[in-house]
C-alpha atoms as a PDB file:
ATOM      1  CA  MET A   1      21.309  12.374  -9.924  1.00  0.00           C
ATOM      2  CA  GLU A   2      18.377  14.506  -9.503  1.00  0.00           C
ATOM      3  CA  ARG A   3      18.415  15.656 -13.118  1.00  0.00           C
ATOM      4  CA  LYS A   4      17.393  12.570 -14.584  1.00  0.00           C
ATOM      5  CA  PHE A   5      14.307  12.154 -12.732  1.00  0.00           C
ATOM      6  CA  GLU A   6      12.836  15.930 -12.902  1.00  0.00           C
ATOM      7  CA  GLY A   7       9.434  16.391 -14.834  1.00  0.00           C
ATOM      8  CA  ILE A   8       6.987  13.930 -15.564  1.00  0.00           C
ATOM      9  CA  THR A   9       7.427  10.461 -14.487  1.00  0.00           C
ATOM     10  CA  ILE A  10       4.284   8.064 -15.477  1.00  0.00           C
ATOM     11  CA  ALA A  11       3.136   5.409 -13.290  1.00  0.00           C
ATOM     12  CA  LEU A  12       2.717   3.172 -15.838  1.00  0.00           C
ATOM     13  CA  ASN A  13      -0.454   0.746 -15.704  1.00  0.00           C
ATOM     14  CA  ALA A  14      -0.522  -2.285 -15.290  1.00  0.00           C
ATOM     15  CA  ALA A  15      -1.000  -4.567 -18.744  1.00  0.00           C
ATOM     16  CA  TYR A  16      -2.964  -7.768 -19.035  1.00  0.00           C
ATOM     17  CA  ASP A  17      -4.234 -10.295 -21.858  1.00  0.00           C
ATOM     18  CA  GLU A  18      -7.542 -11.670 -22.411  1.00  0.00           C
ATOM     19  CA  ALA A  19      -6.965 -14.011 -19.940  1.00  0.00           C
ATOM     20  CA  GLY A  20      -6.268 -11.466 -17.235  1.00  0.00           C
ATOM     21  CA  GLU A  21      -2.773 -12.603 -16.488  1.00  0.00           C
ATOM     22  CA  VAL A  22       0.642 -10.216 -17.275  1.00  0.00           C
ATOM     23  CA  SER A  23       1.389  -9.363 -21.114  1.00  0.00           C
ATOM     24  CA  VAL A  24       4.831  -8.916 -21.279  1.00  0.00           C
ATOM     25  CA  GLU A  25       4.371  -7.737 -25.557  1.00  0.00           C
ATOM     26  CA  ARG A  26       1.515  -5.586 -24.034  1.00  0.00           C
ATOM     27  CA  THR A  27       3.548  -3.796 -21.538  1.00  0.00           C
ATOM     28  CA  ARG A  28       6.383  -3.242 -23.922  1.00  0.00           C
ATOM     29  CA  GLN A  29       3.894  -1.897 -26.141  1.00  0.00           C
ATOM     30  CA  LEU A  30       2.765   0.611 -23.698  1.00  0.00           C
ATOM     31  CA  ALA A  31       6.658   1.155 -22.139  1.00  0.00           C
ATOM     32  CA  ARG A  32       7.077   1.902 -26.086  1.00  0.00           C
ATOM     33  CA  PHE A  33       4.305   4.340 -26.629  1.00  0.00           C
ATOM     34  CA  TYR A  34       5.452   6.944 -23.505  1.00  0.00           C
ATOM     35  CA  ALA A  35       9.642   6.804 -25.046  1.00  0.00           C
ATOM     36  CA  ASP A  36       8.896   9.559 -27.598  1.00  0.00           C
ATOM     37  CA  LYS A  37       6.089  11.842 -25.495  1.00  0.00           C
ATOM     38  CA  GLY A  38       8.864  13.859 -23.829  1.00  0.00           C
ATOM     39  CA  VAL A  39       8.470  11.732 -20.184  1.00  0.00           C
ATOM     40  CA  VAL A  40      11.387  11.421 -18.277  1.00  0.00           C
ATOM     41  CA  GLY A  41      10.650   8.305 -16.882  1.00  0.00           C
ATOM     42  CA  LEU A  42       8.128   4.937 -15.534  1.00  0.00           C
ATOM     43  CA  TYR A  43       7.062   3.981 -12.369  1.00  0.00           C
ATOM     44  CA  ILE A  44       6.493   0.303 -12.420  1.00  0.00           C
ATOM     45  CA  GLY A  45       4.364  -1.720  -9.595  1.00  0.00           C
ATOM     46  CA  GLY A  46       2.578   1.157  -8.057  1.00  0.00           C
ATOM     47  CA  SER A  47      -0.947   1.921  -7.414  1.00  0.00           C
ATOM     48  CA  THR A  48      -1.836   2.329 -10.972  1.00  0.00           C
ATOM     49  CA  GLY A  49       0.468  -1.010 -11.788  1.00  0.00           C
ATOM     50  CA  GLU A  50      -1.695  -2.846  -9.161  1.00  0.00           C
ATOM     51  CA  GLY A  51       1.464  -4.414  -7.655  1.00  0.00           C
ATOM     52  CA  ILE A  52      -0.213  -4.917  -4.747  1.00  0.00           C
ATOM     53  CA  LEU A  53      -2.348  -7.297  -6.504  1.00  0.00           C
ATOM     54  CA  GLN A  54      -0.086  -9.071  -8.350  1.00  0.00           C
ATOM     55  CA  ASN A  55       2.748 -12.199  -7.154  1.00  0.00           C
ATOM     56  CA  VAL A  56       6.071 -11.659  -7.013  1.00  0.00           C
ATOM     57  CA  GLU A  57       7.206 -13.071 -10.256  1.00  0.00           C
ATOM     58  CA  GLU A  58       4.359 -11.115 -12.144  1.00  0.00           C
ATOM     59  CA  ARG A  59       6.014  -7.871 -11.097  1.00  0.00           C
ATOM     60  CA  LYS A  60       9.304  -9.169 -12.038  1.00  0.00           C
ATOM     61  CA  ARG A  61       7.936  -9.934 -15.207  1.00  0.00           C
ATOM     62  CA  THR A  62       6.619  -6.774 -15.796  1.00  0.00           C
ATOM     63  CA  LEU A  63       9.681  -4.753 -14.774  1.00  0.00           C
ATOM     64  CA  GLU A  64      11.587  -7.181 -16.896  1.00  0.00           C
ATOM     65  CA  ALA A  65       9.593  -5.920 -19.554  1.00  0.00           C
ATOM     66  CA  VAL A  66       9.914  -2.091 -19.362  1.00  0.00           C
ATOM     67  CA  THR A  67      13.855  -2.114 -18.441  1.00  0.00           C
ATOM     68  CA  ALA A  68      13.947  -4.568 -21.916  1.00  0.00           C
ATOM     69  CA  GLU A  69      12.066  -1.881 -24.032  1.00  0.00           C
ATOM     70  CA  VAL A  70      13.387   1.477 -22.785  1.00  0.00           C
ATOM     71  CA  GLY A  71      15.286   0.969 -19.528  1.00  0.00           C
ATOM     72  CA  SER A  72      18.360   2.984 -21.760  1.00  0.00           C
ATOM     73  CA  GLU A  73      15.372   5.230 -22.745  1.00  0.00           C
ATOM     74  CA  LEU A  74      13.817   6.316 -19.776  1.00  0.00           C
ATOM     75  CA  THR A  75      14.443   6.611 -16.138  1.00  0.00           C
ATOM     76  CA  ILE A  76      12.730   3.804 -14.499  1.00  0.00           C
ATOM     77  CA  ILE A  77      11.484   3.577 -11.185  1.00  0.00           C
ATOM     78  CA  ALA A  78      10.493   0.283  -9.492  1.00  0.00           C
ATOM     79  CA  HIS A  79       7.542   0.301  -6.886  1.00  0.00           C
ATOM     80  CA  VAL A  80       9.101  -2.760  -4.590  1.00  0.00           C
ATOM     81  CA  GLY A  81       5.976  -1.945  -1.790  1.00  0.00           C
ATOM     82  CA  ALA A  82       4.508  -5.141  -0.350  1.00  0.00           C
ATOM     83  CA  PRO A  83       2.740  -5.970   2.654  1.00  0.00           C
ATOM     84  CA  SER A  84       6.034  -8.505   3.537  1.00  0.00           C
ATOM     85  CA  THR A  85       9.276  -7.053   3.984  1.00  0.00           C
ATOM     86  CA  ARG A  86      10.632 -10.420   2.899  1.00  0.00           C
ATOM     87  CA  ASP A  87       9.024  -9.723  -0.770  1.00  0.00           C
ATOM     88  CA  SER A  88       9.927  -5.973  -0.739  1.00  0.00           C
ATOM     89  CA  VAL A  89      13.781  -7.297  -0.078  1.00  0.00           C
ATOM     90  CA  GLU A  90      13.641  -9.858  -2.849  1.00  0.00           C
ATOM     91  CA  LEU A  91      11.313  -6.964  -5.460  1.00  0.00           C
ATOM     92  CA  ALA A  92      14.289  -4.630  -4.653  1.00  0.00           C
ATOM     93  CA  ARG A  93      17.182  -6.946  -5.519  1.00  0.00           C
ATOM     94  CA  HIS A  94      15.441  -7.867  -8.282  1.00  0.00           C
ATOM     95  CA  ALA A  95      15.129  -4.349  -9.661  1.00  0.00           C
ATOM     96  CA  GLU A  96      18.749  -3.973  -9.306  1.00  0.00           C
ATOM     97  CA  GLN A  97      19.553  -6.674 -11.356  1.00  0.00           C
ATOM     98  CA  ALA A  98      17.148  -5.877 -13.581  1.00  0.00           C
ATOM     99  CA  GLY A  99      18.310  -2.025 -14.236  1.00  0.00           C
ATOM    100  CA  ALA A 100      15.943   0.025 -12.478  1.00  0.00           C
ATOM    101  CA  ALA A 101      17.627   3.038 -11.639  1.00  0.00           C
ATOM    102  CA  ALA A 102      15.745   4.184  -8.259  1.00  0.00           C
ATOM    103  CA  ILE A 103      13.262   1.523  -6.073  1.00  0.00           C
ATOM    104  CA  SER A 104      10.473   2.978  -4.816  1.00  0.00           C
ATOM    105  CA  ALA A 105       7.818   1.651  -1.375  1.00  0.00           C
ATOM    106  CA  VAL A 106       5.122   2.217   0.507  1.00  0.00           C
ATOM    107  CA  PRO A 107       4.524   1.213   4.066  1.00  0.00           C
ATOM    108  CA  SER A 108       3.501  -1.892   4.721  1.00  0.00           C
ATOM    109  CA  ILE A 109      -0.131  -2.571   4.638  1.00  0.00           C
ATOM    110  CA  TYR A 110      -3.334  -3.948   6.184  1.00  0.00           C
ATOM    111  CA  TYR A 111      -1.813  -4.351   9.609  1.00  0.00           C
ATOM    112  CA  PRO A 112      -1.180  -1.005  12.072  1.00  0.00           C
ATOM    113  CA  LEU A 113       1.752  -0.559  12.121  1.00  0.00           C
ATOM    114  CA  SER A 114       4.397   1.598  14.379  1.00  0.00           C
ATOM    115  CA  GLU A 115       6.558   4.337  13.351  1.00  0.00           C
ATOM    116  CA  THR A 116       9.740   2.147  14.060  1.00  0.00           C
ATOM    117  CA  ALA A 117       7.970  -1.195  12.457  1.00  0.00           C
ATOM    118  CA  VAL A 118       7.393   1.437   9.134  1.00  0.00           C
ATOM    119  CA  GLU A 119      11.265   2.316   9.259  1.00  0.00           C
ATOM    120  CA  ALA A 120      12.573  -1.218  10.149  1.00  0.00           C
ATOM    121  CA  HIS A 121      10.208  -1.764   6.844  1.00  0.00           C
ATOM    122  CA  TRP A 122      11.738   0.893   5.056  1.00  0.00           C
ATOM    123  CA  GLN A 123      15.734   0.402   6.114  1.00  0.00           C
ATOM    124  CA  ALA A 124      15.664  -3.478   5.248  1.00  0.00           C
ATOM    125  CA  ILE A 125      14.375  -2.099   1.587  1.00  0.00           C
ATOM    126  CA  VAL A 126      17.619   0.440   1.701  1.00  0.00           C
ATOM    127  CA  ASP A 127      19.872  -2.052   3.146  1.00  0.00           C
ATOM    128  CA  SER A 128      19.282  -4.597   0.286  1.00  0.00           C
ATOM    129  CA  THR A 129      20.279  -2.907  -2.902  1.00  0.00           C
ATOM    130  CA  GLU A 130      23.271  -0.060  -3.899  1.00  0.00           C
ATOM    131  CA  LEU A 131      20.157   1.706  -5.531  1.00  0.00           C
ATOM    132  CA  PRO A 132      18.465   4.955  -4.231  1.00  0.00           C
ATOM    133  CA  PHE A 133      15.411   4.826  -2.061  1.00  0.00           C
ATOM    134  CA  ILE A 134      12.050   6.839  -2.569  1.00  0.00           C
ATOM    135  CA  MET A 135       9.796   6.711   0.163  1.00  0.00           C
ATOM    136  CA  TYR A 136       6.072   6.706  -1.066  1.00  0.00           C
ATOM    137  CA  HIS A 137       4.084   9.298   1.041  1.00  0.00           C
ATOM    138  CA  ILE A 138       0.245   7.905   0.570  1.00  0.00           C
ATOM    139  CA  PRO A 139      -1.284   7.863   3.680  1.00  0.00           C
ATOM    140  CA  LEU A 140      -5.021   7.206   2.198  1.00  0.00           C
ATOM    141  CA  THR A 141      -4.406   3.717   1.036  1.00  0.00           C
ATOM    142  CA  THR A 142      -1.473   2.980   3.615  1.00  0.00           C
ATOM    143  CA  GLY A 143      -2.643   4.615   7.144  1.00  0.00           C
ATOM    144  CA  PHE A 144       0.121   5.155   7.924  1.00  0.00           C
ATOM    145  CA  HIS A 145       1.191   9.422   7.897  1.00  0.00           C
ATOM    146  CA  LEU A 146       4.999   9.929   7.512  1.00  0.00           C
ATOM    147  CA  THR A 147       6.340  12.022  10.239  1.00  0.00           C
ATOM    148  CA  THR A 148       8.923  14.579   9.804  1.00  0.00           C
ATOM    149  CA  ARG A 149      10.592  12.969  12.164  1.00  0.00           C
ATOM    150  CA  LEU A 150      10.818   9.536  10.852  1.00  0.00           C
ATOM    151  CA  LEU A 151      11.329  11.857   7.026  1.00  0.00           C
ATOM    152  CA  ALA A 152      14.231  13.406   8.885  1.00  0.00           C
ATOM    153  CA  LYS A 153      15.820  10.697   9.667  1.00  0.00           C
ATOM    154  CA  MET A 154      15.764   8.125   7.072  1.00  0.00           C
ATOM    155  CA  ALA A 155      16.805  11.457   4.459  1.00  0.00           C
ATOM    156  CA  LYS A 156      20.267  11.606   6.291  1.00  0.00           C
ATOM    157  CA  GLN A 157      20.767   8.279   4.764  1.00  0.00           C
ATOM    158  CA  PRO A 158      22.883   8.585   0.993  1.00  0.00           C
ATOM    159  CA  LYS A 159      20.796   5.859  -0.340  1.00  0.00           C
ATOM    160  CA  VAL A 160      17.635   7.229   0.553  1.00  0.00           C
ATOM    161  CA  ALA A 161      17.307   9.899  -2.330  1.00  0.00           C
ATOM    162  CA  GLY A 162      13.983  11.015  -2.025  1.00  0.00           C
ATOM    163  CA  VAL A 163       9.575  11.017  -0.987  1.00  0.00           C
ATOM    164  CA  LYS A 164       6.493  10.684  -3.680  1.00  0.00           C
ATOM    165  CA  VAL A 165       4.186  13.053  -1.391  1.00  0.00           C
ATOM    166  CA  THR A 166       0.284  11.825  -2.353  1.00  0.00           C
ATOM    167  CA  THR A 167      -1.763  14.036   0.015  1.00  0.00           C
ATOM    168  CA  MET A 168      -3.386  17.267  -1.319  1.00  0.00           C
ATOM    169  CA  SER A 169      -1.221  19.217   1.104  1.00  0.00           C
ATOM    170  CA  SER A 170       1.184  21.305  -0.725  1.00  0.00           C
ATOM    171  CA  TYR A 171       2.352  22.653   2.442  1.00  0.00           C
ATOM    172  CA  GLU A 172       3.498  18.960   3.502  1.00  0.00           C
ATOM    173  CA  LEU A 173       5.374  18.386   0.315  1.00  0.00           C
ATOM    174  CA  GLN A 174       6.927  21.653   1.098  1.00  0.00           C
ATOM    175  CA  GLN A 175       8.232  20.849   4.127  1.00  0.00           C
ATOM    176  CA  PHE A 176       9.418  17.538   3.538  1.00  0.00           C
ATOM    177  CA  LYS A 177      11.901  19.087   0.822  1.00  0.00           C
ATOM    178  CA  ALA A 178      13.024  22.212   3.443  1.00  0.00           C
ATOM    179  CA  ILE A 179      13.618  19.036   5.828  1.00  0.00           C
ATOM    180  CA  GLY A 180      15.033  16.764   3.071  1.00  0.00           C
ATOM    181  CA  GLY A 181      17.587  19.543   1.595  1.00  0.00           C
ATOM    182  CA  ASP A 182      18.597  20.872  -1.919  1.00  0.00           C
ATOM    183  CA  GLY A 183      19.397  17.670  -2.756  1.00  0.00           C
ATOM    184  CA  PHE A 184      16.465  15.455  -1.747  1.00  0.00           C
ATOM    185  CA  MET A 185      14.106  14.798  -4.323  1.00  0.00           C
ATOM    186  CA  VAL A 186      10.047  15.161  -3.530  1.00  0.00           C
ATOM    187  CA  PHE A 187       8.018  14.044  -6.193  1.00  0.00           C
ATOM    188  CA  ASN A 188       4.375  15.531  -6.286  1.00  0.00           C
ATOM    189  CA  GLY A 189       1.791  12.715  -6.228  1.00  0.00           C
ATOM    190  CA  PRO A 190      -1.358  14.255  -6.975  1.00  0.00           C
ATOM    191  CA  ASP A 191      -2.026  14.771 -10.272  1.00  0.00           C
ATOM    192  CA  GLU A 192      -4.410  17.429  -9.801  1.00  0.00           C
ATOM    193  CA  GLN A 193      -2.195  19.792  -8.149  1.00  0.00           C
ATOM    194  CA  TYR A 194       1.060  19.019 -10.279  1.00  0.00           C
ATOM    195  CA  LEU A 195       1.655  22.688 -10.988  1.00  0.00           C
ATOM    196  CA  ALA A 196       1.469  23.380  -7.415  1.00  0.00           C
ATOM    197  CA  GLY A 197       3.713  21.111  -6.278  1.00  0.00           C
ATOM    198  CA  LYS A 198       6.287  22.652  -8.687  1.00  0.00           C
ATOM    199  CA  ILE A 199       6.029  25.466  -7.326  1.00  0.00           C
ATOM    200  CA  MET A 200       6.138  24.302  -3.511  1.00  0.00           C
ATOM    201  CA  GLY A 201       9.635  22.531  -4.698  1.00  0.00           C
ATOM    202  CA  ALA A 202       8.631  19.491  -6.465  1.00  0.00           C
ATOM    203  CA  THR A 203      11.273  17.866  -8.192  1.00  0.00           C
ATOM    204  CA  GLY A 204       8.662  16.216 -10.667  1.00  0.00           C
ATOM    205  CA  GLY A 205       5.521  14.186 -10.572  1.00  0.00           C
ATOM    206  CA  ILE A 206       4.728  10.976 -10.492  1.00  0.00           C
ATOM    207  CA  GLY A 207       0.951   9.825 -11.732  1.00  0.00           C
ATOM    208  CA  GLY A 208      -1.912   7.282 -12.905  1.00  0.00           C
ATOM    209  CA  SER A 209      -3.791  10.075 -15.262  1.00  0.00           C
ATOM    210  CA  TYR A 210      -0.372  10.967 -16.870  1.00  0.00           C
ATOM    211  CA  GLY A 211      -0.529   7.867 -19.047  1.00  0.00           C
ATOM    212  CA  VAL A 212      -3.628   8.808 -20.957  1.00  0.00           C
ATOM    213  CA  MET A 213      -2.543  12.599 -21.430  1.00  0.00           C
ATOM    214  CA  PRO A 214       1.446  12.407 -20.840  1.00  0.00           C
ATOM    215  CA  GLU A 215       1.477  15.298 -23.796  1.00  0.00           C
ATOM    216  CA  LEU A 216      -0.956  17.317 -21.469  1.00  0.00           C
ATOM    217  CA  PHE A 217       1.577  17.354 -18.795  1.00  0.00           C
ATOM    218  CA  VAL A 218       4.818  17.605 -20.273  1.00  0.00           C
ATOM    219  CA  GLY A 219       3.390  20.757 -21.473  1.00  0.00           C
ATOM    220  CA  ILE A 220       2.584  22.203 -17.986  1.00  0.00           C
ATOM    221  CA  ASP A 221       6.200  21.069 -16.810  1.00  0.00           C
ATOM    222  CA  ARG A 222       7.225  23.014 -19.935  1.00  0.00           C
ATOM    223  CA  PHE A 223       5.494  25.739 -19.536  1.00  0.00           C
ATOM    224  CA  MET A 224       6.274  26.037 -15.945  1.00  0.00           C
ATOM    225  CA  ASN A 225      10.169  25.853 -16.576  1.00  0.00           C
ATOM    226  CA  GLU A 226       9.995  28.483 -19.239  1.00  0.00           C
ATOM    227  CA  GLY A 227       8.927  30.733 -15.949  1.00  0.00           C
ATOM    228  CA  ASN A 228       5.348  31.371 -18.385  1.00  0.00           C
ATOM    229  CA  VAL A 229       3.305  30.376 -15.122  1.00  0.00           C
ATOM    230  CA  ALA A 230      -0.209  31.431 -16.890  1.00  0.00           C
ATOM    231  CA  LEU A 231      -0.034  29.056 -19.606  1.00  0.00           C
ATOM    232  CA  ALA A 232       0.588  26.215 -17.316  1.00  0.00           C
ATOM    233  CA  ARG A 233      -2.149  27.254 -14.674  1.00  0.00           C
ATOM    234  CA  LYS A 234      -4.236  27.394 -17.825  1.00  0.00           C
ATOM    235  CA  TRP A 235      -3.002  23.325 -18.909  1.00  0.00           C
ATOM    236  CA  GLN A 236      -3.525  22.432 -15.410  1.00  0.00           C
ATOM    237  CA  PHE A 237      -6.852  23.317 -14.903  1.00  0.00           C
ATOM    238  CA  ARG A 238      -7.680  21.853 -18.642  1.00  0.00           C
ATOM    239  CA  VAL A 239      -6.621  18.620 -17.302  1.00  0.00           C
ATOM    240  CA  ASN A 240      -8.181  18.811 -14.055  1.00  0.00           C
ATOM    241  CA  GLY A 241     -11.661  19.171 -15.897  1.00  0.00           C
ATOM    242  CA  ILE A 242     -11.062  16.104 -17.904  1.00  0.00           C
ATOM    243  CA  ILE A 243      -9.092  13.858 -14.294  1.00  0.00           C
ATOM    244  CA  THR A 244     -12.807  15.483 -12.929  1.00  0.00           C
ATOM    245  CA  LYS A 245     -15.134  13.326 -15.816  1.00  0.00           C
ATOM    246  CA  LEU A 246     -12.576  10.930 -15.286  1.00  0.00           C
ATOM    247  CA  LEU A 247     -13.149  10.317 -11.477  1.00  0.00           C
ATOM    248  CA  SER A 248     -17.202  10.801 -12.232  1.00  0.00           C
ATOM    249  CA  LEU A 249     -16.882   6.980 -13.836  1.00  0.00           C
ATOM    250  CA  SER A 250     -17.552   3.802 -12.100  1.00  0.00           C
ATOM    251  CA  SER A 251     -13.702   2.733 -12.140  1.00  0.00           C
ATOM    252  CA  PHE A 252     -10.944   5.266 -12.546  1.00  0.00           C
ATOM    253  CA  TYR A 253      -8.643   2.684 -13.426  1.00  0.00           C
ATOM    254  CA  GLY A 254     -11.200   0.928 -15.807  1.00  0.00           C
ATOM    255  CA  ALA A 255     -11.808   4.796 -17.206  1.00  0.00           C
ATOM    256  CA  CYS A 256      -7.606   4.984 -17.986  1.00  0.00           C
ATOM    257  CA  LYS A 257      -7.407   1.740 -19.425  1.00  0.00           C
ATOM    258  CA  ALA A 258      -9.938   1.643 -22.150  1.00  0.00           C
ATOM    259  CA  ILE A 259      -9.056   5.661 -23.023  1.00  0.00           C
ATOM    260  CA  ILE A 260      -5.427   3.789 -23.108  1.00  0.00           C
ATOM    261  CA  LYS A 261      -7.215   1.303 -25.790  1.00  0.00           C
ATOM    262  CA  LEU A 262      -8.351   4.122 -27.768  1.00  0.00           C
ATOM    263  CA  ARG A 263      -5.182   5.595 -27.806  1.00  0.00           C
ATOM    264  CA  GLY A 264      -3.917   2.664 -29.593  1.00  0.00           C
ATOM    265  CA  VAL A 265      -2.266   0.062 -26.937  1.00  0.00           C
ATOM    266  CA  ASP A 266      -4.989  -2.599 -25.826  1.00  0.00           C
ATOM    267  CA  ILE A 267      -3.065  -3.544 -21.903  1.00  0.00           C
ATOM    268  CA  GLY A 268      -6.649  -5.089 -21.311  1.00  0.00           C
ATOM    269  CA  LEU A 269      -9.072  -4.643 -18.011  1.00  0.00           C
ATOM    270  CA  PRO A 270      -8.036  -4.077 -14.266  1.00  0.00           C
ATOM    271  CA  ARG A 271      -7.540  -7.172 -12.573  1.00  0.00           C
ATOM    272  CA  ASN A 272     -10.658  -7.820  -9.480  1.00  0.00           C
ATOM    273  CA  PRO A 273     -11.004  -6.665  -7.723  1.00  0.00           C
ATOM    274  CA  ILE A 274     -10.761  -3.021  -9.499  1.00  0.00           C
ATOM    275  CA  PRO A 275     -13.749  -3.171 -11.922  1.00  0.00           C
ATOM    276  CA  ALA A 276     -13.668  -2.417 -15.097  1.00  0.00           C
ATOM    277  CA  LEU A 277     -15.290   0.291 -17.120  1.00  0.00           C
ATOM    278  CA  SER A 278     -19.108  -0.506 -17.444  1.00  0.00           C
ATOM    279  CA  GLU A 279     -20.417  -1.082 -21.028  1.00  0.00           C
ATOM    280  CA  GLN A 280     -22.910   1.936 -20.187  1.00  0.00           C
ATOM    281  CA  GLU A 281     -19.822   4.443 -19.507  1.00  0.00           C
ATOM    282  CA  LEU A 282     -17.786   3.068 -22.669  1.00  0.00           C
ATOM    283  CA  PRO A 283     -19.442   6.144 -24.832  1.00  0.00           C
ATOM    284  CA  GLN A 284     -18.163   8.560 -22.019  1.00  0.00           C
ATOM    285  CA  ALA A 285     -14.501   7.168 -22.176  1.00  0.00           C
ATOM    286  CA  VAL A 286     -14.576   8.003 -25.899  1.00  0.00           C
ATOM    287  CA  GLU A 287     -16.109  11.215 -25.369  1.00  0.00           C
ATOM    288  CA  ILE A 288     -12.670  12.469 -22.774  1.00  0.00           C
ATOM    289  CA  HIS A 289     -10.174  10.322 -25.106  1.00  0.00           C
ATOM    290  CA  ALA A 290     -11.802  12.942 -28.135  1.00  0.00           C
ATOM    291  CA  GLU A 291     -11.177  16.003 -25.554  1.00  0.00           C
ATOM    292  CA  ILE A 292      -7.668  14.908 -25.052  1.00  0.00           C
ATOM    293  CA  MET A 293      -6.525  15.049 -28.855  1.00  0.00           C
ATOM    294  CA  GLN A 294      -8.498  18.138 -29.063  1.00  0.00           C
ATOM    295  CA  ALA A 295      -6.325  19.825 -26.048  1.00  0.00           C
ATOM    296  CA  ILE A 296      -3.331  18.131 -27.060  1.00  0.00           C
ATOM    297  CA  GLU A 297      -4.013  19.804 -30.705  1.00  0.00           C
ATOM    298  CA  GLU A 298      -4.659  22.835 -28.561  1.00  0.00           C
ATOM    299  CA  LEU A 299      -1.439  22.870 -26.888  1.00  0.00           C
ATOM    300  CA  ARG A 300       0.846  22.302 -29.101  1.00  0.00           C
ATOM    301  CA  LYS A 301      -0.683  25.733 -30.740  1.00  0.00           C
ATOM    302  CA  ASP A 302      -0.149  27.322 -27.495  1.00  0.00           C
ATOM    303  CA  ALA A 303       3.578  26.037 -27.087  1.00  0.00           C
ATOM    304  CA  GLN A 304       4.546  27.315 -30.963  1.00  0.00           C
ATOM    305  CA  SER A 305       2.834  30.669 -29.631  1.00  0.00           C
END
């Protein structure tokens, strides 16, 4: 099972029409754009996918659009995390029907929850389908820090296949991998440390900035797999420079959507309260896009040498 998840999985951006409604057509266009970029899969409805800002039906339509377009070509992971367990279970069952390869979920958000409550929430999702389940550890946004005790308990279950680790501690990632064992998948979350995560045992990565420059992350992964750590490091550093510029703008998600549009796929603006990129910053997005395209050409030369 692990092999089809190895490598680069793009956290797919939400795609809206001019009225701000979920666009099936634009979602399919975006999924198709990534199908020939060398990535292994798409992660649907997470932070980048604005899943928490969408209702259940919108999230279902998005997933259906993706699986219909590229479900036979890419590994599709459906993020089904929601504030209520009931909605998460409904989304999980729908993901199984829609043809997703796996499901994933953050702990329930907003209310401070005990470890026992988070376990019960996740367990209800696990029990609702036969799909592999990937825990999503992102304490900065959920307020819940996954303990090694809970991870070890959950990982004993055959359907609990892995964890996405979105913290800046590669040590924590390594510890989760050690506890889960050889068959347990660990996904690196912070794009800025994809290479570090791989070195520390990550199966692959799931990231939002992958979407504006998938070729560069695929290159890092390829160089690492070939044992060329020097080239992998060179391109991780190059990517980090681009991410730093994206983060310097007023809206990271707005900037990513602007660059994706420059790459040929118009997916609209972020949904409020996430701001769009300001008009004054659009020239900076154009410059970052140009830098990405130049970097892609340079990476191709490195790959051929």
